[in-house]
Amino acid sequence: MDDAAGGSRVSRYTGPSVAIDPIACTAHGLCAELLPEIVELDEWGYPIMIDGPVPPALRAQARAAATACPTLALKISRG
């Protein structure tokens, strides 16, 4: 979807997004296993999140990943 300003991509989803608390995270990697569509791991095993809102089809999966995080470092915003 192009924006009115001339060509940049605009997300068609609105809603919650995922974020990581870098202080609380200890690189267990469970979030990437449970939510690979949104989370990938860097070379040290720490998560890198895809920017933007969570697509509706992945919202339950994102909540489950946040709940399963051993250090509760994965957060879901209320979008």
C-alpha atoms as a PDB file:
ATOM      1  CA  MET A   1       0.000   0.000   0.000  1.00  0.00           C
ATOM      2  CA  ASP A   2       1.533   3.341  -1.022  1.00  0.00           C
ATOM      3  CA  ASP A   3       1.129   6.448   1.075  1.00  0.00           C
ATOM      4  CA  ALA A   4      -0.157   9.738  -0.315  1.00  0.00           C
ATOM      5  CA  ALA A   5       3.345  11.266  -0.221  1.00  0.00           C
ATOM      6  CA  GLY A   6       4.537   9.100  -3.026  1.00  0.00           C
ATOM      7  CA  GLY A   7       5.481   5.526  -2.694  1.00  0.00           C
ATOM      8  CA  SER A   8       6.710   4.420   0.718  1.00  0.00           C
ATOM      9  CA  ARG A   9       5.191   1.296   2.186  1.00  0.00           C
ATOM     10  CA  VAL A  10       2.620   1.680   4.944  1.00  0.00           C
ATOM     11  CA  SER A  11       1.618  -1.193   7.215  1.00  0.00           C
ATOM     12  CA  ARG A  12      -1.950  -2.320   6.757  1.00  0.00           C
ATOM     13  CA  TYR A  13      -2.061  -3.698  10.302  1.00  0.00           C
ATOM     14  CA  THR A  14      -2.747  -1.750  13.432  1.00  0.00           C
ATOM     15  CA  GLY A  15      -2.680  -3.085  16.918  1.00  0.00           C
ATOM     16  CA  PRO A  16      -0.234  -4.436  19.461  1.00  0.00           C
ATOM     17  CA  SER A  17       3.478  -4.765  18.827  1.00  0.00           C
ATOM     18  CA  VAL A  18       6.213  -6.775  20.525  1.00  0.00           C
ATOM     19  CA  ALA A  19       9.225  -5.343  22.282  1.00  0.00           C
ATOM     20  CA  ILE A  20      12.076  -6.760  24.292  1.00  0.00           C
ATOM     21  CA  ASP A  21      13.407  -5.500  27.602  1.00  0.00           C
ATOM     22  CA  PRO A  22      17.147  -5.779  26.868  1.00  0.00           C
ATOM     23  CA  ILE A  23      18.050  -5.606  30.561  1.00  0.00           C
ATOM     24  CA  ALA A  24      15.790  -8.521  31.514  1.00  0.00           C
ATOM     25  CA  CYS A  25      16.618 -10.701  28.488  1.00  0.00           C
ATOM     26  CA  THR A  26      19.193 -13.430  29.077  1.00  0.00           C
ATOM     27  CA  ALA A  27      19.075 -14.939  25.543  1.00  0.00           C
ATOM     28  CA  HIS A  28      17.136 -18.145  26.171  1.00  0.00           C
ATOM     29  CA  GLY A  29      15.795 -17.937  22.586  1.00  0.00           C
ATOM     30  CA  LEU A  30      12.345 -19.265  23.424  1.00  0.00           C
ATOM     31  CA  CYS A  31      10.679 -16.215  21.861  1.00  0.00           C
ATOM     32  CA  ALA A  32      12.286 -16.970  18.479  1.00  0.00           C
ATOM     33  CA  GLU A  33      11.166 -20.597  18.702  1.00  0.00           C
ATOM     34  CA  LEU A  34       7.578 -19.634  19.538  1.00  0.00           C
ATOM     35  CA  LEU A  35       7.282 -16.586  17.286  1.00  0.00           C
ATOM     36  CA  PRO A  36       9.720 -16.986  14.371  1.00  0.00           C
ATOM     37  CA  GLU A  37       7.646 -14.725  12.106  1.00  0.00           C
ATOM     38  CA  ILE A  38       8.453 -11.731  14.317  1.00  0.00           C
ATOM     39  CA  VAL A  39      11.578 -12.640  16.303  1.00  0.00           C
ATOM     40  CA  GLU A  40      14.981 -13.690  15.050  1.00  0.00           C
ATOM     41  CA  LEU A  41      18.154 -14.121  17.050  1.00  0.00           C
ATOM     42  CA  ASP A  42      21.420 -12.252  16.637  1.00  0.00           C
ATOM     43  CA  GLU A  43      24.796 -14.026  16.672  1.00  0.00           C
ATOM     44  CA  TRP A  44      24.803 -14.050  20.510  1.00  0.00           C
ATOM     45  CA  GLY A  45      21.289 -15.456  20.814  1.00  0.00           C
ATOM     46  CA  TYR A  46      19.539 -12.208  21.695  1.00  0.00           C
ATOM     47  CA  PRO A  47      16.225 -11.419  19.979  1.00  0.00           C
ATOM     48  CA  ILE A  48      15.773  -8.923  17.188  1.00  0.00           C
ATOM     49  CA  MET A  49      12.159  -7.868  16.685  1.00  0.00           C
ATOM     50  CA  ILE A  50      10.533  -7.006  13.395  1.00  0.00           C
ATOM     51  CA  ASP A  51       9.178  -3.458  13.637  1.00  0.00           C
ATOM     52  CA  GLY A  52       5.491  -2.752  13.420  1.00  0.00           C
ATOM     53  CA  PRO A  53       2.282  -4.191  14.759  1.00  0.00           C
ATOM     54  CA  VAL A  54       1.660  -7.906  15.167  1.00  0.00           C
ATOM     55  CA  PRO A  55      -0.576  -9.228  12.376  1.00  0.00           C
ATOM     56  CA  PRO A  56      -3.961 -10.378  13.690  1.00  0.00           C
ATOM     57  CA  ALA A  57      -3.253 -14.026  12.872  1.00  0.00           C
ATOM     58  CA  LEU A  58      -0.175 -13.994  15.142  1.00  0.00           C
ATOM     59  CA  ARG A  59      -1.549 -12.131  18.163  1.00  0.00           C
ATOM     60  CA  ALA A  60      -2.415 -15.227  20.230  1.00  0.00           C
ATOM     61  CA  GLN A  61       0.980 -16.708  19.401  1.00  0.00           C
ATOM     62  CA  ALA A  62       2.681 -13.444  20.456  1.00  0.00           C
ATOM     63  CA  ARG A  63       0.833 -13.424  23.786  1.00  0.00           C
ATOM     64  CA  ALA A  64       1.828 -17.052  24.389  1.00  0.00           C
ATOM     65  CA  ALA A  65       5.476 -16.252  23.637  1.00  0.00           C
ATOM     66  CA  ALA A  66       5.437 -13.295  26.049  1.00  0.00           C
ATOM     67  CA  THR A  67       3.904 -15.466  28.770  1.00  0.00           C
ATOM     68  CA  ALA A  68       6.448 -18.252  28.170  1.00  0.00           C
ATOM     69  CA  CYS A  69       9.508 -15.971  28.334  1.00  0.00           C
ATOM     70  CA  PRO A  70      11.560 -17.237  31.314  1.00  0.00           C
ATOM     71  CA  THR A  71      12.588 -13.703  32.328  1.00  0.00           C
ATOM     72  CA  LEU A  72       9.368 -11.950  31.180  1.00  0.00           C
ATOM     73  CA  ALA A  73      11.499  -9.779  28.884  1.00  0.00           C
ATOM     74  CA  LEU A  74       9.140 -10.054  25.909  1.00  0.00           C
ATOM     75  CA  LYS A  75       6.405  -7.428  26.110  1.00  0.00           C
ATOM     76  CA  ILE A  76       3.228  -6.961  24.076  1.00  0.00           C
ATOM     77  CA  SER A  77       1.977  -3.409  23.755  1.00  0.00           C
ATOM     78  CA  ARG A  78      -1.723  -2.606  23.776  1.00  0.00           C
ATOM     79  CA  GLY A  79      -2.118  -1.322  20.251  1.00  0.00           C
END
